[in-house]
C-alpha atoms as a PDB file:
ATOM      1  CA  UNK A   1     103.411  77.103  -1.877  1.00  0.00           C
ATOM      2  CA  UNK A   2     104.454  80.333  -3.563  1.00  0.00           C
ATOM      3  CA  UNK A   3     103.841  80.515  -7.312  1.00  0.00           C
ATOM      4  CA  UNK A   4     106.237  82.657  -9.362  1.00  0.00           C
ATOM      5  CA  UNK A   5     106.627  83.462 -13.060  1.00  0.00           C
ATOM      6  CA  UNK A   6     109.194  86.138 -13.873  1.00  0.00           C
ATOM      7  CA  UNK A   7     108.550  89.173 -11.654  1.00  0.00           C
ATOM      8  CA  UNK A   8     105.057  87.951 -10.676  1.00  0.00           C
ATOM      9  CA  UNK A   9     104.554  86.086  -7.401  1.00  0.00           C
ATOM     10  CA  UNK A  10     101.354  84.784  -5.823  1.00  0.00           C
ATOM     11  CA  UNK A  11     101.288  83.153  -2.417  1.00  0.00           C
ATOM     12  CA  UNK A  12      98.509  81.074  -0.928  1.00  0.00           C
ATOM     13  CA  UNK A  13      95.182  82.882  -1.160  1.00  0.00           C
ATOM     14  CA  UNK A  14      96.471  85.526  -3.595  1.00  0.00           C
ATOM     15  CA  UNK A  15      95.847  86.420  -7.205  1.00  0.00           C
ATOM     16  CA  UNK A  16      98.335  88.434  -9.253  1.00  0.00           C
ATOM     17  CA  UNK A  17      97.969  89.743 -12.803  1.00  0.00           C
ATOM     18  CA  UNK A  18     100.647  91.436 -14.856  1.00  0.00           C
ATOM     19  CA  UNK A  19     103.073  91.366 -17.763  1.00  0.00           C
ATOM     20  CA  UNK A  20     106.228  89.273 -18.015  1.00  0.00           C
ATOM     21  CA  UNK A  21     108.971  90.371 -20.457  1.00  0.00           C
ATOM     22  CA  UNK A  22     110.583  87.611 -22.505  1.00  0.00           C
ATOM     23  CA  UNK A  23     113.876  88.143 -24.355  1.00  0.00           C
ATOM     24  CA  UNK A  24     113.563  86.710 -27.874  1.00  0.00           C
ATOM     25  CA  UNK A  25     116.918  88.024 -29.110  1.00  0.00           C
ATOM     26  CA  UNK A  26     116.034  90.776 -31.598  1.00  0.00           C
ATOM     27  CA  UNK A  27     112.980  91.891 -29.595  1.00  0.00           C
ATOM     28  CA  UNK A  28     111.338  91.542 -26.193  1.00  0.00           C
ATOM     29  CA  UNK A  29     107.829  90.105 -26.015  1.00  0.00           C
ATOM     30  CA  UNK A  30     105.477  91.103 -23.196  1.00  0.00           C
ATOM     31  CA  UNK A  31     103.299  88.174 -22.103  1.00  0.00           C
ATOM     32  CA  UNK A  32     100.145  88.703 -20.017  1.00  0.00           C
ATOM     33  CA  UNK A  33     100.166  86.239 -17.111  1.00  0.00           C
ATOM     34  CA  UNK A  34      97.712  85.632 -14.268  1.00  0.00           C
ATOM     35  CA  UNK A  35      98.681  83.583 -11.210  1.00  0.00           C
ATOM     36  CA  UNK A  36      95.995  82.299  -8.857  1.00  0.00           C
ATOM     37  CA  UNK A  37      97.240  80.873  -5.580  1.00  0.00           C
ATOM     38  CA  UNK A  38      94.293  78.947  -4.197  1.00  0.00           C
ATOM     39  CA  UNK A  39      93.314  79.150  -0.543  1.00  0.00           C
ATOM     40  CA  UNK A  40      93.223  75.343  -0.368  1.00  0.00           C
ATOM     41  CA  UNK A  41      95.698  72.684  -1.558  1.00  0.00           C
ATOM     42  CA  UNK A  42      95.240  71.083  -4.946  1.00  0.00           C
ATOM     43  CA  UNK A  43      96.825  70.607  -8.389  1.00  0.00           C
ATOM     44  CA  UNK A  44      98.750  73.148 -10.453  1.00  0.00           C
ATOM     45  CA  UNK A  45      96.936  73.756 -13.763  1.00  0.00           C
ATOM     46  CA  UNK A  46      98.413  75.711 -16.682  1.00  0.00           C
ATOM     47  CA  UNK A  47      96.298  77.209 -19.481  1.00  0.00           C
ATOM     48  CA  UNK A  48      97.647  78.984 -22.572  1.00  0.00           C
ATOM     49  CA  UNK A  49      95.856  80.783 -25.393  1.00  0.00           C
ATOM     50  CA  UNK A  50      97.132  82.774 -28.337  1.00  0.00           C
ATOM     51  CA  UNK A  51      99.814  80.329 -29.419  1.00  0.00           C
ATOM     52  CA  UNK A  52      98.651  81.180 -32.935  1.00  0.00           C
ATOM     53  CA  UNK A  53      97.435  84.478 -34.330  1.00  0.00           C
ATOM     54  CA  UNK A  54      93.933  84.865 -35.728  1.00  0.00           C
ATOM     55  CA  UNK A  55      92.456  82.420 -33.181  1.00  0.00           C
ATOM     56  CA  UNK A  56      90.379  84.600 -30.917  1.00  0.00           C
ATOM     57  CA  UNK A  57      88.128  82.269 -28.913  1.00  0.00           C
ATOM     58  CA  UNK A  58      90.980  80.848 -26.839  1.00  0.00           C
ATOM     59  CA  UNK A  59      92.477  84.265 -26.133  1.00  0.00           C
ATOM     60  CA  UNK A  60      89.107  85.676 -25.072  1.00  0.00           C
ATOM     61  CA  UNK A  61      88.177  82.672 -22.917  1.00  0.00           C
ATOM     62  CA  UNK A  62      91.545  82.571 -21.136  1.00  0.00           C
ATOM     63  CA  UNK A  63      91.405  86.319 -20.453  1.00  0.00           C
ATOM     64  CA  UNK A  64      87.854  86.037 -19.128  1.00  0.00           C
ATOM     65  CA  UNK A  65      88.764  83.072 -16.945  1.00  0.00           C
ATOM     66  CA  UNK A  66      91.709  85.033 -15.534  1.00  0.00           C
ATOM     67  CA  UNK A  67      89.251  87.673 -14.380  1.00  0.00           C
ATOM     68  CA  UNK A  68      86.679  85.219 -13.030  1.00  0.00           C
ATOM     69  CA  UNK A  69      88.768  82.887 -10.875  1.00  0.00           C
ATOM     70  CA  UNK A  70      89.252  83.854  -7.234  1.00  0.00           C
ATOM     71  CA  UNK A  71      91.749  82.412  -4.726  1.00  0.00           C
ATOM     72  CA  UNK A  72      88.903  81.585  -2.344  1.00  0.00           C
ATOM     73  CA  UNK A  73      87.319  79.109  -4.776  1.00  0.00           C
ATOM     74  CA  UNK A  74      90.519  77.623  -6.202  1.00  0.00           C
ATOM     75  CA  UNK A  75      92.186  74.490  -4.882  1.00  0.00           C
ATOM     76  CA  UNK A  76      95.883  74.487  -5.745  1.00  0.00           C
ATOM     77  CA  UNK A  77      97.243  76.905  -8.338  1.00  0.00           C
ATOM     78  CA  UNK A  78      96.246  78.141 -11.780  1.00  0.00           C
ATOM     79  CA  UNK A  79      98.616  79.750 -14.295  1.00  0.00           C
ATOM     80  CA  UNK A  80      96.954  81.537 -17.228  1.00  0.00           C
ATOM     81  CA  UNK A  81      98.672  83.074 -20.241  1.00  0.00           C
ATOM     82  CA  UNK A  82      95.990  84.313 -22.681  1.00  0.00           C
ATOM     83  CA  UNK A  83      98.516  85.492 -25.302  1.00  0.00           C
ATOM     84  CA  UNK A  84     101.430  83.067 -25.363  1.00  0.00           C
ATOM     85  CA  UNK A  85     102.812  84.269 -28.714  1.00  0.00           C
ATOM     86  CA  UNK A  86     102.434  88.075 -28.912  1.00  0.00           C
ATOM     87  CA  UNK A  87     104.300  88.549 -32.234  1.00  0.00           C
ATOM     88  CA  UNK A  88     101.910  86.178 -34.041  1.00  0.00           C
ATOM     89  CA  UNK A  89      98.813  87.401 -32.220  1.00  0.00           C
ATOM     90  CA  UNK A  90      99.338  91.144 -32.410  1.00  0.00           C
ATOM     91  CA  UNK A  91     101.454  91.545 -35.540  1.00  0.00           C
ATOM     92  CA  UNK A  92     100.995  88.602 -37.873  1.00  0.00           C
ATOM     93  CA  UNK A  93      97.574  87.295 -36.796  1.00  0.00           C
ATOM     94  CA  UNK A  94      98.634  84.043 -38.436  1.00  0.00           C
ATOM     95  CA  UNK A  95      99.954  80.643 -37.399  1.00  0.00           C
ATOM     96  CA  UNK A  96     103.519  81.692 -38.104  1.00  0.00           C
ATOM     97  CA  UNK A  97     105.479  84.445 -36.377  1.00  0.00           C
ATOM     98  CA  UNK A  98     106.333  87.577 -38.385  1.00  0.00           C
ATOM     99  CA  UNK A  99     109.717  87.568 -36.641  1.00  0.00           C
ATOM    100  CA  UNK A 100     111.026  84.435 -38.349  1.00  0.00           C
ATOM    101  CA  UNK A 101     108.174  82.706 -40.185  1.00  0.00           C
ATOM    102  CA  UNK A 102     108.177  79.810 -37.695  1.00  0.00           C
ATOM    103  CA  UNK A 103     105.059  78.030 -36.398  1.00  0.00           C
ATOM    104  CA  UNK A 104     105.689  77.789 -32.648  1.00  0.00           C
ATOM    105  CA  UNK A 105     103.423  74.738 -32.433  1.00  0.00           C
ATOM    106  CA  UNK A 106     105.992  72.796 -34.394  1.00  0.00           C
ATOM    107  CA  UNK A 107     109.059  73.581 -32.244  1.00  0.00           C
ATOM    108  CA  UNK A 108     108.038  72.883 -28.622  1.00  0.00           C
ATOM    109  CA  UNK A 109     109.745  72.513 -26.170  1.00  0.00           C
ATOM    110  CA  UNK A 110     111.930  75.031 -28.000  1.00  0.00           C
ATOM    111  CA  UNK A 111     115.574  76.026 -27.881  1.00  0.00           C
ATOM    112  CA  UNK A 112     116.827  78.860 -25.619  1.00  0.00           C
ATOM    113  CA  UNK A 113     119.699  79.463 -28.061  1.00  0.00           C
ATOM    114  CA  UNK A 114     117.587  79.275 -31.222  1.00  0.00           C
ATOM    115  CA  UNK A 115     115.649  81.860 -33.199  1.00  0.00           C
ATOM    116  CA  UNK A 116     112.967  84.118 -31.695  1.00  0.00           C
ATOM    117  CA  UNK A 117     110.129  81.583 -31.880  1.00  0.00           C
ATOM    118  CA  UNK A 118     112.253  78.719 -30.561  1.00  0.00           C
ATOM    119  CA  UNK A 119     113.338  80.957 -27.677  1.00  0.00           C
ATOM    120  CA  UNK A 120     109.744  81.815 -26.884  1.00  0.00           C
ATOM    121  CA  UNK A 121     108.743  78.137 -26.894  1.00  0.00           C
ATOM    122  CA  UNK A 122     111.655  77.343 -24.584  1.00  0.00           C
ATOM    123  CA  UNK A 123     110.691  80.162 -22.210  1.00  0.00           C
ATOM    124  CA  UNK A 124     107.078  78.984 -22.007  1.00  0.00           C
ATOM    125  CA  UNK A 125     108.175  75.459 -21.137  1.00  0.00           C
ATOM    126  CA  UNK A 126     110.849  76.626 -18.702  1.00  0.00           C
ATOM    127  CA  UNK A 127     108.680  79.132 -16.806  1.00  0.00           C
ATOM    128  CA  UNK A 128     105.018  78.089 -17.125  1.00  0.00           C
ATOM    129  CA  UNK A 129     105.089  74.271 -17.274  1.00  0.00           C
ATOM    130  CA  UNK A 130     107.427  73.243 -14.404  1.00  0.00           C
ATOM    131  CA  UNK A 131     105.449  71.664 -11.590  1.00  0.00           C
ATOM    132  CA  UNK A 132     102.254  71.461 -13.653  1.00  0.00           C
ATOM    133  CA  UNK A 133      99.849  68.631 -12.890  1.00  0.00           C
ATOM    134  CA  UNK A 134      97.754  69.395 -15.970  1.00  0.00           C
ATOM    135  CA  UNK A 135      98.077  71.575 -19.074  1.00  0.00           C
ATOM    136  CA  UNK A 136      95.536  72.744 -21.667  1.00  0.00           C
ATOM    137  CA  UNK A 137      96.415  74.720 -24.803  1.00  0.00           C
ATOM    138  CA  UNK A 138      93.488  76.639 -26.348  1.00  0.00           C
ATOM    139  CA  UNK A 139      93.152  76.926 -30.128  1.00  0.00           C
ATOM    140  CA  UNK A 140      90.473  77.528 -32.746  1.00  0.00           C
ATOM    141  CA  UNK A 141      89.961  77.748 -36.465  1.00  0.00           C
ATOM    142  CA  UNK A 142      91.811  80.823 -37.734  1.00  0.00           C
ATOM    143  CA  UNK A 143      90.555  83.596 -39.967  1.00  0.00           C
ATOM    144  CA  UNK A 144      90.434  81.437 -43.121  1.00  0.00           C
ATOM    145  CA  UNK A 145      89.781  78.049 -41.496  1.00  0.00           C
ATOM    146  CA  UNK A 146      86.569  76.082 -40.970  1.00  0.00           C
ATOM    147  CA  UNK A 147      86.787  73.678 -38.037  1.00  0.00           C
ATOM    148  CA  UNK A 148      84.603  71.358 -35.970  1.00  0.00           C
ATOM    149  CA  UNK A 149      85.200  71.681 -32.219  1.00  0.00           C
ATOM    150  CA  UNK A 150      87.265  68.885 -30.714  1.00  0.00           C
ATOM    151  CA  UNK A 151      89.704  68.046 -27.916  1.00  0.00           C
ATOM    152  CA  UNK A 152      93.019  66.337 -28.611  1.00  0.00           C
ATOM    153  CA  UNK A 153      95.515  64.373 -26.568  1.00  0.00           C
ATOM    154  CA  UNK A 154      98.484  62.081 -27.232  1.00  0.00           C
ATOM    155  CA  UNK A 155      99.201  58.526 -26.196  1.00  0.00           C
ATOM    156  CA  UNK A 156     102.621  58.074 -24.580  1.00  0.00           C
ATOM    157  CA  UNK A 157     102.665  54.425 -23.543  1.00  0.00           C
ATOM    158  CA  UNK A 158     102.501  55.449 -19.876  1.00  0.00           C
ATOM    159  CA  UNK A 159      99.166  53.979 -18.818  1.00  0.00           C
ATOM    160  CA  UNK A 160      98.595  56.328 -15.881  1.00  0.00           C
ATOM    161  CA  UNK A 161      99.587  59.444 -17.831  1.00  0.00           C
ATOM    162  CA  UNK A 162      97.447  58.474 -20.811  1.00  0.00           C
ATOM    163  CA  UNK A 163      94.440  57.743 -18.587  1.00  0.00           C
ATOM    164  CA  UNK A 164      94.737  61.156 -16.939  1.00  0.00           C
ATOM    165  CA  UNK A 165      94.984  62.939 -20.298  1.00  0.00           C
ATOM    166  CA  UNK A 166      92.050  60.971 -21.663  1.00  0.00           C
ATOM    167  CA  UNK A 167      89.985  61.851 -18.592  1.00  0.00           C
ATOM    168  CA  UNK A 168      90.828  65.528 -19.083  1.00  0.00           C
ATOM    169  CA  UNK A 169      89.883  65.397 -22.770  1.00  0.00           C
ATOM    170  CA  UNK A 170      86.512  63.807 -22.057  1.00  0.00           C
ATOM    171  CA  UNK A 171      85.828  66.121 -19.101  1.00  0.00           C
ATOM    172  CA  UNK A 172      85.747  69.179 -21.394  1.00  0.00           C
ATOM    173  CA  UNK A 173      82.448  67.815 -22.661  1.00  0.00           C
ATOM    174  CA  UNK A 174      82.874  68.216 -26.429  1.00  0.00           C
ATOM    175  CA  UNK A 175      81.328  65.460 -28.593  1.00  0.00           C
ATOM    176  CA  UNK A 176      84.606  64.658 -30.389  1.00  0.00           C
ATOM    177  CA  UNK A 177      88.044  63.730 -29.049  1.00  0.00           C
ATOM    178  CA  UNK A 178      90.930  63.147 -31.464  1.00  0.00           C
ATOM    179  CA  UNK A 179      93.969  61.338 -30.131  1.00  0.00           C
ATOM    180  CA  UNK A 180      97.465  60.965 -31.477  1.00  0.00           C
ATOM    181  CA  UNK A 181      98.848  57.453 -31.202  1.00  0.00           C
ATOM    182  CA  UNK A 182     102.228  58.723 -30.018  1.00  0.00           C
ATOM    183  CA  UNK A 183     103.697  61.889 -28.511  1.00  0.00           C
ATOM    184  CA  UNK A 184     106.234  62.809 -31.164  1.00  0.00           C
ATOM    185  CA  UNK A 185     106.410  66.218 -32.827  1.00  0.00           C
ATOM    186  CA  UNK A 186     106.610  69.820 -31.739  1.00  0.00           C
ATOM    187  CA  UNK A 187     103.002  70.441 -30.692  1.00  0.00           C
ATOM    188  CA  UNK A 188     102.622  71.954 -27.226  1.00  0.00           C
ATOM    189  CA  UNK A 189     100.547  69.139 -25.769  1.00  0.00           C
ATOM    190  CA  UNK A 190     102.823  66.453 -27.265  1.00  0.00           C
ATOM    191  CA  UNK A 191     105.950  68.081 -25.849  1.00  0.00           C
ATOM    192  CA  UNK A 192     104.284  68.427 -22.447  1.00  0.00           C
ATOM    193  CA  UNK A 193     103.229  64.769 -22.519  1.00  0.00           C
ATOM    194  CA  UNK A 194     106.836  63.753 -23.226  1.00  0.00           C
ATOM    195  CA  UNK A 195     107.787  65.576 -20.032  1.00  0.00           C
ATOM    196  CA  UNK A 196     105.232  63.578 -18.057  1.00  0.00           C
ATOM    197  CA  UNK A 197     102.576  66.322 -17.891  1.00  0.00           C
ATOM    198  CA  UNK A 198      98.982  65.336 -18.730  1.00  0.00           C
ATOM    199  CA  UNK A 199      98.110  67.685 -21.568  1.00  0.00           C
ATOM    200  CA  UNK A 200      95.270  68.393 -23.979  1.00  0.00           C
ATOM    201  CA  UNK A 201      94.552  70.611 -26.968  1.00  0.00           C
ATOM    202  CA  UNK A 202      91.119  72.282 -27.105  1.00  0.00           C
ATOM    203  CA  UNK A 203      89.900  73.543 -30.494  1.00  0.00           C
ATOM    204  CA  UNK A 204      86.827  75.813 -30.386  1.00  0.00           C
ATOM    205  CA  UNK A 205      85.305  77.933 -33.124  1.00  0.00           C
ATOM    206  CA  UNK A 206      86.197  78.715 -36.721  1.00  0.00           C
ATOM    207  CA  UNK A 207      86.928  81.558 -39.128  1.00  0.00           C
ATOM    208  CA  UNK A 208      88.451  83.676 -36.368  1.00  0.00           C
ATOM    209  CA  UNK A 209      85.155  83.542 -34.482  1.00  0.00           C
ATOM    210  CA  UNK A 210      84.942  85.835 -31.423  1.00  0.00           C
ATOM    211  CA  UNK A 211      81.189  85.456 -30.957  1.00  0.00           C
ATOM    212  CA  UNK A 212      80.241  85.444 -27.245  1.00  0.00           C
ATOM    213  CA  UNK A 213      78.396  82.128 -27.634  1.00  0.00           C
ATOM    214  CA  UNK A 214      81.547  80.470 -29.018  1.00  0.00           C
ATOM    215  CA  UNK A 215      83.671  81.836 -26.190  1.00  0.00           C
ATOM    216  CA  UNK A 216      81.066  80.695 -23.658  1.00  0.00           C
ATOM    217  CA  UNK A 217      81.216  77.181 -25.103  1.00  0.00           C
ATOM    218  CA  UNK A 218      84.940  77.116 -24.360  1.00  0.00           C
ATOM    219  CA  UNK A 219      84.538  78.716 -20.939  1.00  0.00           C
ATOM    220  CA  UNK A 220      81.952  76.103 -19.974  1.00  0.00           C
ATOM    221  CA  UNK A 221      84.373  73.398 -21.067  1.00  0.00           C
ATOM    222  CA  UNK A 222      87.204  74.937 -19.037  1.00  0.00           C
ATOM    223  CA  UNK A 223      85.059  75.072 -15.904  1.00  0.00           C
ATOM    224  CA  UNK A 224      84.145  71.414 -16.409  1.00  0.00           C
ATOM    225  CA  UNK A 225      87.844  70.610 -16.796  1.00  0.00           C
ATOM    226  CA  UNK A 226      88.806  72.513 -13.635  1.00  0.00           C
ATOM    227  CA  UNK A 227      86.091  70.764 -11.648  1.00  0.00           C
ATOM    228  CA  UNK A 228      87.244  67.400 -13.004  1.00  0.00           C
ATOM    229  CA  UNK A 229      90.815  68.140 -11.904  1.00  0.00           C
ATOM    230  CA  UNK A 230      89.667  69.180  -8.426  1.00  0.00           C
ATOM    231  CA  UNK A 231      90.727  72.809  -8.908  1.00  0.00           C
ATOM    232  CA  UNK A 232      87.113  73.912  -8.415  1.00  0.00           C
ATOM    233  CA  UNK A 233      84.408  72.316  -6.293  1.00  0.00           C
ATOM    234  CA  UNK A 234      81.837  70.205  -8.135  1.00  0.00           C
ATOM    235  CA  UNK A 235      78.398  71.555  -8.975  1.00  0.00           C
ATOM    236  CA  UNK A 236      75.082  69.639  -9.103  1.00  0.00           C
ATOM    237  CA  UNK A 237      75.310  69.176 -12.883  1.00  0.00           C
ATOM    238  CA  UNK A 238      78.527  67.193 -12.411  1.00  0.00           C
ATOM    239  CA  UNK A 239      76.454  64.297 -11.075  1.00  0.00           C
ATOM    240  CA  UNK A 240      74.631  63.950 -14.406  1.00  0.00           C
ATOM    241  CA  UNK A 241      75.842  61.311 -16.885  1.00  0.00           C
ATOM    242  CA  UNK A 242      78.624  62.724 -19.087  1.00  0.00           C
ATOM    243  CA  UNK A 243      77.731  63.434 -22.724  1.00  0.00           C
ATOM    244  CA  UNK A 244      78.547  60.781 -25.275  1.00  0.00           C
ATOM    245  CA  UNK A 245      82.007  61.323 -26.716  1.00  0.00           C
ATOM    246  CA  UNK A 246      83.382  59.856 -29.929  1.00  0.00           C
ATOM    247  CA  UNK A 247      87.108  59.159 -30.240  1.00  0.00           C
ATOM    248  CA  UNK A 248      88.970  59.576 -33.522  1.00  0.00           C
ATOM    249  CA  UNK A 249      92.480  59.368 -34.953  1.00  0.00           C
ATOM    250  CA  UNK A 250      93.846  61.442 -37.806  1.00  0.00           C
ATOM    251  CA  UNK A 251      93.642  59.585 -41.112  1.00  0.00           C
ATOM    252  CA  UNK A 252      94.847  62.070 -43.736  1.00  0.00           C
ATOM    253  CA  UNK A 253      95.947  65.607 -44.419  1.00  0.00           C
ATOM    254  CA  UNK A 254      95.191  67.148 -47.813  1.00  0.00           C
ATOM    255  CA  UNK A 255      97.613  69.793 -49.074  1.00  0.00           C
ATOM    256  CA  UNK A 256      97.433  72.033 -52.099  1.00  0.00           C
ATOM    257  CA  UNK A 257      99.439  70.702 -55.060  1.00  0.00           C
ATOM    258  CA  UNK A 258      99.900  74.181 -56.496  1.00  0.00           C
ATOM    259  CA  UNK A 259      99.355  77.888 -55.927  1.00  0.00           C
ATOM    260  CA  UNK A 260      95.928  79.059 -56.994  1.00  0.00           C
ATOM    261  CA  UNK A 261      92.302  79.745 -56.108  1.00  0.00           C
ATOM    262  CA  UNK A 262      90.549  77.208 -53.868  1.00  0.00           C
ATOM    263  CA  UNK A 263      86.851  76.374 -54.289  1.00  0.00           C
ATOM    264  CA  UNK A 264      85.820  73.785 -51.632  1.00  0.00           C
ATOM    265  CA  UNK A 265      82.876  71.465 -52.241  1.00  0.00           C
ATOM    266  CA  UNK A 266      82.651  69.953 -48.745  1.00  0.00           C
ATOM    267  CA  UNK A 267      82.236  71.477 -45.306  1.00  0.00           C
ATOM    268  CA  UNK A 268      83.643  70.759 -41.850  1.00  0.00           C
ATOM    269  CA  UNK A 269      81.863  68.072 -39.898  1.00  0.00           C
ATOM    270  CA  UNK A 270      80.841  66.142 -42.992  1.00  0.00           C
ATOM    271  CA  UNK A 271      81.659  62.536 -43.801  1.00  0.00           C
ATOM    272  CA  UNK A 272      83.747  61.926 -46.911  1.00  0.00           C
ATOM    273  CA  UNK A 273      84.673  58.783 -48.835  1.00  0.00           C
ATOM    274  CA  UNK A 274      88.070  57.993 -50.314  1.00  0.00           C
ATOM    275  CA  UNK A 275      88.199  59.415 -53.824  1.00  0.00           C
ATOM    276  CA  UNK A 276      85.372  61.892 -53.192  1.00  0.00           C
ATOM    277  CA  UNK A 277      85.895  65.373 -54.587  1.00  0.00           C
ATOM    278  CA  UNK A 278      86.811  67.913 -51.895  1.00  0.00           C
ATOM    279  CA  UNK A 279      87.042  70.899 -54.213  1.00  0.00           C
ATOM    280  CA  UNK A 280      88.708  72.560 -57.190  1.00  0.00           C
ATOM    281  CA  UNK A 281      92.003  74.398 -57.424  1.00  0.00           C
ATOM    282  CA  UNK A 282      91.973  76.955 -60.243  1.00  0.00           C
ATOM    283  CA  UNK A 283      95.025  78.586 -61.821  1.00  0.00           C
ATOM    284  CA  UNK A 284      94.146  82.324 -62.032  1.00  0.00           C
ATOM    285  CA  UNK A 285      96.478  82.773 -64.995  1.00  0.00           C
ATOM    286  CA  UNK A 286      94.839  80.392 -67.465  1.00  0.00           C
ATOM    287  CA  UNK A 287      91.752  79.042 -65.698  1.00  0.00           C
ATOM    288  CA  UNK A 288      92.953  75.440 -65.621  1.00  0.00           C
ATOM    289  CA  UNK A 289      91.374  73.371 -62.861  1.00  0.00           C
ATOM    290  CA  UNK A 290      92.821  70.658 -60.643  1.00  0.00           C
ATOM    291  CA  UNK A 291      90.406  68.359 -58.832  1.00  0.00           C
ATOM    292  CA  UNK A 292      91.335  67.590 -55.210  1.00  0.00           C
ATOM    293  CA  UNK A 293      89.977  64.331 -53.778  1.00  0.00           C
ATOM    294  CA  UNK A 294      89.867  62.724 -50.350  1.00  0.00           C
ATOM    295  CA  UNK A 295      92.765  60.290 -49.791  1.00  0.00           C
ATOM    296  CA  UNK A 296      90.847  58.462 -47.027  1.00  0.00           C
ATOM    297  CA  UNK A 297      87.342  57.807 -45.745  1.00  0.00           C
ATOM    298  CA  UNK A 298      86.342  59.603 -42.557  1.00  0.00           C
ATOM    299  CA  UNK A 299      85.076  62.837 -41.001  1.00  0.00           C
ATOM    300  CA  UNK A 300      86.251  66.250 -42.240  1.00  0.00           C
ATOM    301  CA  UNK A 301      87.280  68.192 -39.121  1.00  0.00           C
ATOM    302  CA  UNK A 302      89.129  71.022 -40.827  1.00  0.00           C
ATOM    303  CA  UNK A 303      88.748  72.822 -44.123  1.00  0.00           C
ATOM    304  CA  UNK A 304      90.411  75.744 -45.866  1.00  0.00           C
ATOM    305  CA  UNK A 305      87.959  78.595 -46.425  1.00  0.00           C
ATOM    306  CA  UNK A 306      90.393  81.132 -47.875  1.00  0.00           C
ATOM    307  CA  UNK A 307      90.280  81.688 -51.624  1.00  0.00           C
ATOM    308  CA  UNK A 308      93.994  82.085 -52.273  1.00  0.00           C
ATOM    309  CA  UNK A 309      96.317  79.231 -51.304  1.00  0.00           C
ATOM    310  CA  UNK A 310     100.007  78.495 -51.824  1.00  0.00           C
ATOM    311  CA  UNK A 311     101.584  75.192 -52.722  1.00  0.00           C
ATOM    312  CA  UNK A 312     101.576  72.970 -49.642  1.00  0.00           C
ATOM    313  CA  UNK A 313      98.782  74.838 -47.837  1.00  0.00           C
ATOM    314  CA  UNK A 314      96.560  72.461 -45.900  1.00  0.00           C
ATOM    315  CA  UNK A 315      93.140  72.227 -47.526  1.00  0.00           C
ATOM    316  CA  UNK A 316      91.515  69.616 -45.287  1.00  0.00           C
ATOM    317  CA  UNK A 317      92.148  67.215 -42.401  1.00  0.00           C
ATOM    318  CA  UNK A 318      90.283  63.909 -42.114  1.00  0.00           C
ATOM    319  CA  UNK A 319      89.899  61.690 -39.045  1.00  0.00           C
ATOM    320  CA  UNK A 320      88.550  58.167 -38.704  1.00  0.00           C
ATOM    321  CA  UNK A 321      86.886  56.516 -35.688  1.00  0.00           C
ATOM    322  CA  UNK A 322      89.431  55.177 -33.200  1.00  0.00           C
ATOM    323  CA  UNK A 323      89.535  51.523 -32.289  1.00  0.00           C
ATOM    324  CA  UNK A 324      92.148  49.515 -30.419  1.00  0.00           C
ATOM    325  CA  UNK A 325      92.723  47.667 -33.692  1.00  0.00           C
ATOM    326  CA  UNK A 326      94.431  50.764 -35.112  1.00  0.00           C
ATOM    327  CA  UNK A 327      98.055  50.211 -34.045  1.00  0.00           C
ATOM    328  CA  UNK A 328      99.522  53.409 -35.402  1.00  0.00           C
ATOM    329  CA  UNK A 329      98.363  56.644 -36.915  1.00  0.00           C
ATOM    330  CA  UNK A 330     100.259  59.610 -38.358  1.00  0.00           C
ATOM    331  CA  UNK A 331     103.208  60.636 -36.219  1.00  0.00           C
ATOM    332  CA  UNK A 332     102.001  64.221 -36.193  1.00  0.00           C
ATOM    333  CA  UNK A 333      98.301  65.048 -36.562  1.00  0.00           C
ATOM    334  CA  UNK A 334      97.419  67.474 -39.346  1.00  0.00           C
ATOM    335  CA  UNK A 335      97.874  71.034 -38.127  1.00  0.00           C
ATOM    336  CA  UNK A 336      95.313  73.438 -39.604  1.00  0.00           C
ATOM    337  CA  UNK A 337      97.437  76.315 -38.372  1.00  0.00           C
ATOM    338  CA  UNK A 338     100.512  75.447 -40.420  1.00  0.00           C
ATOM    339  CA  UNK A 339     100.574  76.623 -44.048  1.00  0.00           C
ATOM    340  CA  UNK A 340     103.452  74.261 -44.780  1.00  0.00           C
ATOM    341  CA  UNK A 341     103.403  70.593 -45.709  1.00  0.00           C
ATOM    342  CA  UNK A 342     103.612  68.302 -42.682  1.00  0.00           C
END
């Protein structure tokens, strides 16, 4: 089957790399896209990186994977877009777009008649996702964010869809998987799940890390995912028992009550108890301090590392171990890439 995105077309046994222009209204964004038409039948897998600026591991890994995959080894089709949000990646280097101040990972599947970011989200879902059998969106801790690696997916109530997404999340091989107990909200993987596409979020690295070892960690996970999906042939290591994986649900998001200077007292990956001090917020004008405490007991997966924070900036995100006894969690998991209150 021929695979086409914009002016790019890849038939069976072909690989095509290029740029696809996307009309955002006031400007045109040029998206790098690689299409791999496998020599053998199989699933269609879509991978995106660079949805947010300042998150380099996903961009690097997706670009490297685009160069590594060959049609001869691929079963089915692979669509890679290493920089899905060029304005944020190249201009703002933040979670929000400099074109309109919108976090694209809050507006999926977008609006073709909306603002620039909503148009971009709509284009991605209209041109990259159709026909997908699996979707993975690659993120990491941004320039001022500490983060523990994890994979996320959403429960939809569709048993088969949820089982496929869960299998994908565990196949990446990271120790921690955080699930959302429903598929509401504008996150990419939630919107894809609502359209019946098994989808996961992969978070790798922190503080804008572009270290080769961090990128290799993500690449290894992507190869495990592609082998799990049947896109690539298995390797001997795939017969080994899978690593132990812990499942979590989001328990709390901690936002800054005021503008000021943030001095954290806890680090990502640490366990915290409800009421425990997470850090101090200091008013630079008069030196007054505000103590910020944990609203729930659990594991700290995200923390703000930047010194200067605005009112509503997310300072920390806490998850708790998942059990079937937890009927409902937050409708939208804390988003470390959104400087606004959830």
